[in-house]
């Protein structure tokens, strides 16, 4: 009879222990599994269940986990490009990490966004998911300076069509990141939680790999008022606010080069 190779071998995935198979009940590495003791290391079928350290012994899986840790809210294709592994392997390891509750998945339209479990709250996940898109990220920075803007005024600063901007604004409103108020014939937009948006951009600056975010953070450090993460942007003169915004949104005169991982693969958020 011909030898049937396990699925894990066909994916090029080392499976040294039976516990390395997705599915069934499993140990929560960050606490007790619902209805079971945190010391219960076997499933009902007697299968050994891995700890966090054991689960991350595989180099490929550890690279994926560490990328998600450094880039919360990244999506499947972003992980795939960053770690430079076959797509099937990446998908397998992501599903496994979700099964053993080391990562959680948040749906964002057509994207599945990945976060390390128990590190980021629900509202911050909502904000990060929005900020992973370039247009909403730019809109958020605009609203941090101007506090509220109409569709027309936002359009003056973003290089997209009116319909594309309307699409992104609707998504931001749906996510609870931006509020919309009707004033006559105009829709006025403002951030729902300005301190949270500010904190999220500052905390995760490096993970955006974005010149606009870098310039915003530099300006923020120079002009923000207050202390710590409670600092806010207060720019009294409209002309000064416009000057700062244009300096932040100015395009680089040199072509951007995608950051490269240690594996030689381009990084994306």
C-alpha atoms as a PDB file:
ATOM      1  CA  UNK A   1       0.000   0.000   0.000  1.00  0.00           C
ATOM      2  CA  UNK A   2       1.222   3.553  -0.712  1.00  0.00           C
ATOM      3  CA  UNK A   3       2.229   5.544   2.342  1.00  0.00           C
ATOM      4  CA  UNK A   4      -0.172   8.369   3.187  1.00  0.00           C
ATOM      5  CA  UNK A   5       1.668  11.442   4.416  1.00  0.00           C
ATOM      6  CA  UNK A   6       0.032  13.444   7.219  1.00  0.00           C
ATOM      7  CA  UNK A   7      -1.331  16.854   6.330  1.00  0.00           C
ATOM      8  CA  UNK A   8       1.229  18.452   8.643  1.00  0.00           C
ATOM      9  CA  UNK A   9       4.098  16.942   6.641  1.00  0.00           C
ATOM     10  CA  UNK A  10       2.623  18.197   3.376  1.00  0.00           C
ATOM     11  CA  UNK A  11       2.623  21.694   4.849  1.00  0.00           C
ATOM     12  CA  UNK A  12       6.228  21.341   5.959  1.00  0.00           C
ATOM     13  CA  UNK A  13       5.262  21.667   9.611  1.00  0.00           C
ATOM     14  CA  UNK A  14       7.135  19.791  12.305  1.00  0.00           C
ATOM     15  CA  UNK A  15       4.710  17.948  14.552  1.00  0.00           C
ATOM     16  CA  UNK A  16       6.723  16.223  17.197  1.00  0.00           C
ATOM     17  CA  UNK A  17       3.842  15.845  19.662  1.00  0.00           C
ATOM     18  CA  UNK A  18       0.237  14.826  19.353  1.00  0.00           C
ATOM     19  CA  UNK A  19      -0.837  18.008  21.099  1.00  0.00           C
ATOM     20  CA  UNK A  20       0.232  19.993  18.041  1.00  0.00           C
ATOM     21  CA  UNK A  21      -3.033  19.298  16.264  1.00  0.00           C
ATOM     22  CA  UNK A  22      -5.748  21.988  16.124  1.00  0.00           C
ATOM     23  CA  UNK A  23      -9.214  21.167  17.318  1.00  0.00           C
ATOM     24  CA  UNK A  24     -10.907  19.842  20.431  1.00  0.00           C
ATOM     25  CA  UNK A  25     -10.617  21.262  23.913  1.00  0.00           C
ATOM     26  CA  UNK A  26      -7.329  22.793  24.899  1.00  0.00           C
ATOM     27  CA  UNK A  27      -5.416  24.418  27.699  1.00  0.00           C
ATOM     28  CA  UNK A  28      -5.676  28.193  27.937  1.00  0.00           C
ATOM     29  CA  UNK A  29      -1.988  29.179  28.378  1.00  0.00           C
ATOM     30  CA  UNK A  30      -2.962  32.441  30.051  1.00  0.00           C
ATOM     31  CA  UNK A  31      -5.350  30.974  32.592  1.00  0.00           C
ATOM     32  CA  UNK A  32      -7.921  28.282  33.235  1.00  0.00           C
ATOM     33  CA  UNK A  33      -9.900  26.900  30.324  1.00  0.00           C
ATOM     34  CA  UNK A  34     -13.598  27.495  30.863  1.00  0.00           C
ATOM     35  CA  UNK A  35     -15.034  24.761  33.055  1.00  0.00           C
ATOM     36  CA  UNK A  36     -11.658  23.090  33.600  1.00  0.00           C
ATOM     37  CA  UNK A  37      -8.691  23.513  35.907  1.00  0.00           C
ATOM     38  CA  UNK A  38      -5.676  25.428  34.598  1.00  0.00           C
ATOM     39  CA  UNK A  39      -3.617  22.405  35.702  1.00  0.00           C
ATOM     40  CA  UNK A  40      -5.517  19.974  33.495  1.00  0.00           C
ATOM     41  CA  UNK A  41      -2.970  19.214  30.761  1.00  0.00           C
ATOM     42  CA  UNK A  42      -4.908  16.605  28.811  1.00  0.00           C
ATOM     43  CA  UNK A  43      -7.975  16.661  26.610  1.00  0.00           C
ATOM     44  CA  UNK A  44     -10.830  14.162  27.191  1.00  0.00           C
ATOM     45  CA  UNK A  45      -9.117  11.827  24.680  1.00  0.00           C
ATOM     46  CA  UNK A  46      -5.885  11.870  26.668  1.00  0.00           C
ATOM     47  CA  UNK A  47      -4.034  14.120  24.200  1.00  0.00           C
ATOM     48  CA  UNK A  48      -1.222  16.189  25.685  1.00  0.00           C
ATOM     49  CA  UNK A  49      -1.932  19.927  25.553  1.00  0.00           C
ATOM     50  CA  UNK A  50       0.940  22.326  25.056  1.00  0.00           C
ATOM     51  CA  UNK A  51       1.907  25.297  27.190  1.00  0.00           C
ATOM     52  CA  UNK A  52       2.687  28.632  25.583  1.00  0.00           C
ATOM     53  CA  UNK A  53       6.413  27.888  25.721  1.00  0.00           C
ATOM     54  CA  UNK A  54       5.959  24.471  24.093  1.00  0.00           C
ATOM     55  CA  UNK A  55       3.646  25.860  21.419  1.00  0.00           C
ATOM     56  CA  UNK A  56       6.241  28.472  20.444  1.00  0.00           C
ATOM     57  CA  UNK A  57       9.165  26.057  20.234  1.00  0.00           C
ATOM     58  CA  UNK A  58       8.651  25.838  16.468  1.00  0.00           C
ATOM     59  CA  UNK A  59      10.643  28.655  14.879  1.00  0.00           C
ATOM     60  CA  UNK A  60       8.033  29.388  12.192  1.00  0.00           C
ATOM     61  CA  UNK A  61       5.219  29.668  14.724  1.00  0.00           C
ATOM     62  CA  UNK A  62       7.332  31.794  17.048  1.00  0.00           C
ATOM     63  CA  UNK A  63       8.167  34.217  14.208  1.00  0.00           C
ATOM     64  CA  UNK A  64       4.469  34.592  13.411  1.00  0.00           C
ATOM     65  CA  UNK A  65       3.567  35.149  17.075  1.00  0.00           C
ATOM     66  CA  UNK A  66       6.347  37.729  17.545  1.00  0.00           C
ATOM     67  CA  UNK A  67       5.279  39.616  14.420  1.00  0.00           C
ATOM     68  CA  UNK A  68       1.699  39.844  15.711  1.00  0.00           C
ATOM     69  CA  UNK A  69       3.055  40.987  19.088  1.00  0.00           C
ATOM     70  CA  UNK A  70       5.019  43.781  17.364  1.00  0.00           C
ATOM     71  CA  UNK A  71       2.268  44.630  14.859  1.00  0.00           C
ATOM     72  CA  UNK A  72      -1.124  44.288  16.603  1.00  0.00           C
ATOM     73  CA  UNK A  73      -4.017  44.343  14.169  1.00  0.00           C
ATOM     74  CA  UNK A  74      -1.992  42.977  11.263  1.00  0.00           C
ATOM     75  CA  UNK A  75      -3.895  40.877   8.722  1.00  0.00           C
ATOM     76  CA  UNK A  76      -3.254  37.483   7.128  1.00  0.00           C
ATOM     77  CA  UNK A  77      -1.498  38.789   4.024  1.00  0.00           C
ATOM     78  CA  UNK A  78       0.610  41.114   6.141  1.00  0.00           C
ATOM     79  CA  UNK A  79       1.826  38.219   8.287  1.00  0.00           C
ATOM     80  CA  UNK A  80       2.468  36.127   5.181  1.00  0.00           C
ATOM     81  CA  UNK A  81       4.649  38.790   3.560  1.00  0.00           C
ATOM     82  CA  UNK A  82       6.494  39.669   6.760  1.00  0.00           C
ATOM     83  CA  UNK A  83       7.559  36.164   7.814  1.00  0.00           C
ATOM     84  CA  UNK A  84       8.267  34.889   4.263  1.00  0.00           C
ATOM     85  CA  UNK A  85       6.766  31.432   4.779  1.00  0.00           C
ATOM     86  CA  UNK A  86       4.456  29.470   2.474  1.00  0.00           C
ATOM     87  CA  UNK A  87       0.886  30.718   2.746  1.00  0.00           C
ATOM     88  CA  UNK A  88      -0.438  27.324   3.887  1.00  0.00           C
ATOM     89  CA  UNK A  89       2.022  27.195   6.765  1.00  0.00           C
ATOM     90  CA  UNK A  90       1.141  30.720   7.867  1.00  0.00           C
ATOM     91  CA  UNK A  91      -2.580  29.951   7.816  1.00  0.00           C
ATOM     92  CA  UNK A  92      -2.062  26.701   9.729  1.00  0.00           C
ATOM     93  CA  UNK A  93       0.004  28.348  12.460  1.00  0.00           C
ATOM     94  CA  UNK A  94      -2.404  31.282  12.787  1.00  0.00           C
ATOM     95  CA  UNK A  95      -5.319  28.890  13.206  1.00  0.00           C
ATOM     96  CA  UNK A  96      -3.350  26.913  15.770  1.00  0.00           C
ATOM     97  CA  UNK A  97      -2.384  30.017  17.756  1.00  0.00           C
ATOM     98  CA  UNK A  98      -6.036  31.021  17.794  1.00  0.00           C
ATOM     99  CA  UNK A  99      -7.120  27.526  18.903  1.00  0.00           C
ATOM    100  CA  UNK A 100      -4.826  27.566  21.923  1.00  0.00           C
ATOM    101  CA  UNK A 101      -5.844  31.156  22.695  1.00  0.00           C
ATOM    102  CA  UNK A 102      -2.472  32.812  22.240  1.00  0.00           C
ATOM    103  CA  UNK A 103      -3.966  35.138  19.625  1.00  0.00           C
ATOM    104  CA  UNK A 104      -7.457  36.439  18.939  1.00  0.00           C
ATOM    105  CA  UNK A 105      -8.985  37.439  15.615  1.00  0.00           C
ATOM    106  CA  UNK A 106     -11.095  40.527  14.944  1.00  0.00           C
ATOM    107  CA  UNK A 107     -13.056  40.877  11.709  1.00  0.00           C
ATOM    108  CA  UNK A 108     -12.519  44.146   9.853  1.00  0.00           C
ATOM    109  CA  UNK A 109     -14.545  43.974   6.661  1.00  0.00           C
ATOM    110  CA  UNK A 110     -12.691  41.600   4.351  1.00  0.00           C
ATOM    111  CA  UNK A 111      -9.706  41.472   6.725  1.00  0.00           C
ATOM    112  CA  UNK A 112      -9.076  39.189   9.692  1.00  0.00           C
ATOM    113  CA  UNK A 113      -6.913  41.125  12.123  1.00  0.00           C
ATOM    114  CA  UNK A 114      -4.736  39.345  14.664  1.00  0.00           C
ATOM    115  CA  UNK A 115      -3.869  40.393  18.215  1.00  0.00           C
ATOM    116  CA  UNK A 116      -1.941  38.712  21.020  1.00  0.00           C
ATOM    117  CA  UNK A 117      -4.518  37.712  23.607  1.00  0.00           C
ATOM    118  CA  UNK A 118      -5.117  39.861  26.717  1.00  0.00           C
ATOM    119  CA  UNK A 119      -2.695  42.657  25.775  1.00  0.00           C
ATOM    120  CA  UNK A 120      -5.044  45.190  24.170  1.00  0.00           C
ATOM    121  CA  UNK A 121      -8.590  46.155  25.177  1.00  0.00           C
ATOM    122  CA  UNK A 122     -11.621  45.964  22.884  1.00  0.00           C
ATOM    123  CA  UNK A 123     -11.836  49.698  22.190  1.00  0.00           C
ATOM    124  CA  UNK A 124      -8.124  49.946  21.411  1.00  0.00           C
ATOM    125  CA  UNK A 125      -8.526  47.009  19.008  1.00  0.00           C
ATOM    126  CA  UNK A 126     -11.290  48.945  17.245  1.00  0.00           C
ATOM    127  CA  UNK A 127      -9.048  51.990  16.940  1.00  0.00           C
ATOM    128  CA  UNK A 128      -6.004  50.041  15.731  1.00  0.00           C
ATOM    129  CA  UNK A 129      -8.088  48.227  13.121  1.00  0.00           C
ATOM    130  CA  UNK A 130      -9.251  51.588  11.753  1.00  0.00           C
ATOM    131  CA  UNK A 131      -5.763  53.106  11.849  1.00  0.00           C
ATOM    132  CA  UNK A 132      -4.312  50.218   9.829  1.00  0.00           C
ATOM    133  CA  UNK A 133      -5.975  51.844   6.783  1.00  0.00           C
ATOM    134  CA  UNK A 134      -4.142  54.841   5.302  1.00  0.00           C
ATOM    135  CA  UNK A 135      -7.127  57.139   4.667  1.00  0.00           C
ATOM    136  CA  UNK A 136      -8.724  56.671   8.131  1.00  0.00           C
ATOM    137  CA  UNK A 137      -5.279  57.166   9.674  1.00  0.00           C
ATOM    138  CA  UNK A 138      -4.914  60.510   7.891  1.00  0.00           C
ATOM    139  CA  UNK A 139      -8.475  61.534   8.833  1.00  0.00           C
ATOM    140  CA  UNK A 140      -7.784  60.707  12.488  1.00  0.00           C
ATOM    141  CA  UNK A 141      -4.657  62.869  12.513  1.00  0.00           C
ATOM    142  CA  UNK A 142      -6.585  65.733  10.899  1.00  0.00           C
ATOM    143  CA  UNK A 143      -9.289  65.497  13.556  1.00  0.00           C
ATOM    144  CA  UNK A 144      -6.700  65.493  16.338  1.00  0.00           C
ATOM    145  CA  UNK A 145      -5.660  68.956  15.134  1.00  0.00           C
ATOM    146  CA  UNK A 146      -8.947  70.481  14.010  1.00  0.00           C
ATOM    147  CA  UNK A 147     -11.284  68.636  16.452  1.00  0.00           C
ATOM    148  CA  UNK A 148     -14.129  68.634  13.909  1.00  0.00           C
ATOM    149  CA  UNK A 149     -14.270  68.903  10.122  1.00  0.00           C
ATOM    150  CA  UNK A 150     -16.788  68.663   7.316  1.00  0.00           C
ATOM    151  CA  UNK A 151     -16.510  66.133   4.505  1.00  0.00           C
ATOM    152  CA  UNK A 152     -15.389  68.925   2.155  1.00  0.00           C
ATOM    153  CA  UNK A 153     -12.600  70.141   4.443  1.00  0.00           C
ATOM    154  CA  UNK A 154     -11.315  66.610   5.009  1.00  0.00           C
ATOM    155  CA  UNK A 155     -11.310  66.074   1.251  1.00  0.00           C
ATOM    156  CA  UNK A 156      -8.945  69.054   0.881  1.00  0.00           C
ATOM    157  CA  UNK A 157      -6.243  67.037   2.701  1.00  0.00           C
ATOM    158  CA  UNK A 158      -6.657  63.491   1.356  1.00  0.00           C
ATOM    159  CA  UNK A 159      -5.925  62.409  -2.189  1.00  0.00           C
ATOM    160  CA  UNK A 160      -9.010  60.260  -2.783  1.00  0.00           C
ATOM    161  CA  UNK A 161     -12.339  60.733  -4.507  1.00  0.00           C
ATOM    162  CA  UNK A 162     -15.360  62.052  -2.535  1.00  0.00           C
ATOM    163  CA  UNK A 163     -17.030  58.641  -2.723  1.00  0.00           C
ATOM    164  CA  UNK A 164     -13.924  56.859  -1.423  1.00  0.00           C
ATOM    165  CA  UNK A 165     -13.680  59.295   1.485  1.00  0.00           C
ATOM    166  CA  UNK A 166     -17.386  58.772   2.246  1.00  0.00           C
ATOM    167  CA  UNK A 167     -16.794  55.008   2.309  1.00  0.00           C
ATOM    168  CA  UNK A 168     -13.951  55.315   4.830  1.00  0.00           C
ATOM    169  CA  UNK A 169     -15.816  57.814   7.013  1.00  0.00           C
ATOM    170  CA  UNK A 170     -18.822  55.494   7.143  1.00  0.00           C
ATOM    171  CA  UNK A 171     -16.532  52.645   8.277  1.00  0.00           C
ATOM    172  CA  UNK A 172     -15.001  54.875  10.954  1.00  0.00           C
ATOM    173  CA  UNK A 173     -18.453  55.838  12.222  1.00  0.00           C
ATOM    174  CA  UNK A 174     -19.548  52.186  12.211  1.00  0.00           C
ATOM    175  CA  UNK A 175     -16.457  51.240  14.242  1.00  0.00           C
ATOM    176  CA  UNK A 176     -17.289  53.893  16.843  1.00  0.00           C
ATOM    177  CA  UNK A 177     -14.041  55.789  16.247  1.00  0.00           C
ATOM    178  CA  UNK A 178     -15.647  58.846  14.630  1.00  0.00           C
ATOM    179  CA  UNK A 179     -19.011  60.514  15.290  1.00  0.00           C
ATOM    180  CA  UNK A 180     -21.047  62.218  12.563  1.00  0.00           C
ATOM    181  CA  UNK A 181     -23.334  65.188  13.172  1.00  0.00           C
ATOM    182  CA  UNK A 182     -25.626  66.691  10.556  1.00  0.00           C
ATOM    183  CA  UNK A 183     -25.544  70.490  10.428  1.00  0.00           C
ATOM    184  CA  UNK A 184     -27.805  71.740   7.710  1.00  0.00           C
ATOM    185  CA  UNK A 185     -26.613  70.143   4.504  1.00  0.00           C
ATOM    186  CA  UNK A 186     -23.154  69.316   5.860  1.00  0.00           C
ATOM    187  CA  UNK A 187     -21.938  66.278   7.786  1.00  0.00           C
ATOM    188  CA  UNK A 188     -19.480  67.200  10.539  1.00  0.00           C
ATOM    189  CA  UNK A 189     -17.038  64.575  11.855  1.00  0.00           C
ATOM    190  CA  UNK A 190     -15.131  64.380  15.120  1.00  0.00           C
ATOM    191  CA  UNK A 191     -13.299  61.704  17.093  1.00  0.00           C
ATOM    192  CA  UNK A 192     -15.343  59.844  19.703  1.00  0.00           C
ATOM    193  CA  UNK A 193     -12.368  59.288  22.031  1.00  0.00           C
ATOM    194  CA  UNK A 194      -9.512  61.640  21.166  1.00  0.00           C
ATOM    195  CA  UNK A 195      -7.217  60.531  24.042  1.00  0.00           C
ATOM    196  CA  UNK A 196      -7.538  56.875  22.998  1.00  0.00           C
ATOM    197  CA  UNK A 197      -6.704  57.648  19.361  1.00  0.00           C
ATOM    198  CA  UNK A 198      -3.705  59.715  20.452  1.00  0.00           C
ATOM    199  CA  UNK A 199      -2.487  57.028  22.843  1.00  0.00           C
ATOM    200  CA  UNK A 200      -2.893  54.303  20.222  1.00  0.00           C
ATOM    201  CA  UNK A 201      -0.882  56.185  17.596  1.00  0.00           C
ATOM    202  CA  UNK A 202       1.910  56.989  20.073  1.00  0.00           C
ATOM    203  CA  UNK A 203       2.067  53.494  21.595  1.00  0.00           C
ATOM    204  CA  UNK A 204       2.126  51.661  18.286  1.00  0.00           C
ATOM    205  CA  UNK A 205       4.055  54.205  16.228  1.00  0.00           C
ATOM    206  CA  UNK A 206       6.753  51.780  15.101  1.00  0.00           C
ATOM    207  CA  UNK A 207       4.257  49.173  13.930  1.00  0.00           C
ATOM    208  CA  UNK A 208       2.642  51.526  11.398  1.00  0.00           C
ATOM    209  CA  UNK A 209       5.911  51.985   9.497  1.00  0.00           C
ATOM    210  CA  UNK A 210       4.484  55.227   8.158  1.00  0.00           C
ATOM    211  CA  UNK A 211       6.250  58.560   7.608  1.00  0.00           C
ATOM    212  CA  UNK A 212       3.047  60.496   8.300  1.00  0.00           C
ATOM    213  CA  UNK A 213       2.686  58.799  11.703  1.00  0.00           C
ATOM    214  CA  UNK A 214       6.353  59.465  12.491  1.00  0.00           C
ATOM    215  CA  UNK A 215       5.999  63.171  11.644  1.00  0.00           C
ATOM    216  CA  UNK A 216       2.779  63.419  13.647  1.00  0.00           C
ATOM    217  CA  UNK A 217       4.482  61.922  16.705  1.00  0.00           C
ATOM    218  CA  UNK A 218       7.372  64.362  16.389  1.00  0.00           C
ATOM    219  CA  UNK A 219       5.003  67.333  16.157  1.00  0.00           C
ATOM    220  CA  UNK A 220       2.931  65.986  19.043  1.00  0.00           C
ATOM    221  CA  UNK A 221       5.984  65.728  21.291  1.00  0.00           C
ATOM    222  CA  UNK A 222       6.854  69.332  20.451  1.00  0.00           C
ATOM    223  CA  UNK A 223       3.470  71.028  20.922  1.00  0.00           C
ATOM    224  CA  UNK A 224       1.258  68.785  23.106  1.00  0.00           C
ATOM    225  CA  UNK A 225       0.084  70.075  26.464  1.00  0.00           C
ATOM    226  CA  UNK A 226      -0.313  68.049  29.653  1.00  0.00           C
ATOM    227  CA  UNK A 227       1.585  65.068  31.036  1.00  0.00           C
ATOM    228  CA  UNK A 228       2.064  61.469  29.985  1.00  0.00           C
ATOM    229  CA  UNK A 229      -0.677  59.814  27.959  1.00  0.00           C
ATOM    230  CA  UNK A 230      -3.180  62.502  28.977  1.00  0.00           C
ATOM    231  CA  UNK A 231      -1.432  65.072  26.774  1.00  0.00           C
ATOM    232  CA  UNK A 232      -3.535  66.712  24.071  1.00  0.00           C
ATOM    233  CA  UNK A 233      -2.949  68.792  20.984  1.00  0.00           C
ATOM    234  CA  UNK A 234      -4.066  72.383  21.513  1.00  0.00           C
ATOM    235  CA  UNK A 235      -3.214  74.629  18.564  1.00  0.00           C
ATOM    236  CA  UNK A 236      -5.088  77.893  18.972  1.00  0.00           C
ATOM    237  CA  UNK A 237      -4.207  79.604  15.686  1.00  0.00           C
ATOM    238  CA  UNK A 238      -5.879  78.000  12.610  1.00  0.00           C
ATOM    239  CA  UNK A 239      -2.991  79.128  10.403  1.00  0.00           C
ATOM    240  CA  UNK A 240      -0.507  77.360  12.710  1.00  0.00           C
ATOM    241  CA  UNK A 241      -2.619  74.188  12.724  1.00  0.00           C
ATOM    242  CA  UNK A 242      -2.725  74.240   8.920  1.00  0.00           C
ATOM    243  CA  UNK A 243       1.041  74.706   8.749  1.00  0.00           C
ATOM    244  CA  UNK A 244       1.650  71.752  11.058  1.00  0.00           C
ATOM    245  CA  UNK A 245      -0.796  69.525   9.199  1.00  0.00           C
ATOM    246  CA  UNK A 246       0.778  70.267   5.842  1.00  0.00           C
ATOM    247  CA  UNK A 247       4.229  69.477   7.232  1.00  0.00           C
ATOM    248  CA  UNK A 248       2.938  66.160   8.576  1.00  0.00           C
ATOM    249  CA  UNK A 249       1.137  65.138   5.382  1.00  0.00           C
ATOM    250  CA  UNK A 250       3.876  66.333   3.011  1.00  0.00           C
ATOM    251  CA  UNK A 251       5.056  63.547   0.757  1.00  0.00           C
ATOM    252  CA  UNK A 252       8.688  62.509   0.856  1.00  0.00           C
ATOM    253  CA  UNK A 253      10.771  63.754  -2.078  1.00  0.00           C
ATOM    254  CA  UNK A 254      12.442  60.349  -2.267  1.00  0.00           C
ATOM    255  CA  UNK A 255      10.609  57.129  -3.150  1.00  0.00           C
ATOM    256  CA  UNK A 256       9.721  55.061  -0.114  1.00  0.00           C
ATOM    257  CA  UNK A 257      11.411  51.701   0.338  1.00  0.00           C
ATOM    258  CA  UNK A 258       9.432  49.007   2.092  1.00  0.00           C
ATOM    259  CA  UNK A 259      11.058  47.969   5.386  1.00  0.00           C
ATOM    260  CA  UNK A 260      12.736  44.585   5.190  1.00  0.00           C
ATOM    261  CA  UNK A 261      12.520  41.833   7.793  1.00  0.00           C
ATOM    262  CA  UNK A 262      15.493  39.763   8.840  1.00  0.00           C
ATOM    263  CA  UNK A 263      14.253  37.137   6.396  1.00  0.00           C
ATOM    264  CA  UNK A 264      14.453  39.611   3.505  1.00  0.00           C
ATOM    265  CA  UNK A 265      10.680  40.004   3.099  1.00  0.00           C
ATOM    266  CA  UNK A 266       8.951  43.408   2.874  1.00  0.00           C
ATOM    267  CA  UNK A 267       6.991  44.400   5.977  1.00  0.00           C
ATOM    268  CA  UNK A 268       3.365  45.485   5.758  1.00  0.00           C
ATOM    269  CA  UNK A 269       0.728  46.364   8.308  1.00  0.00           C
END
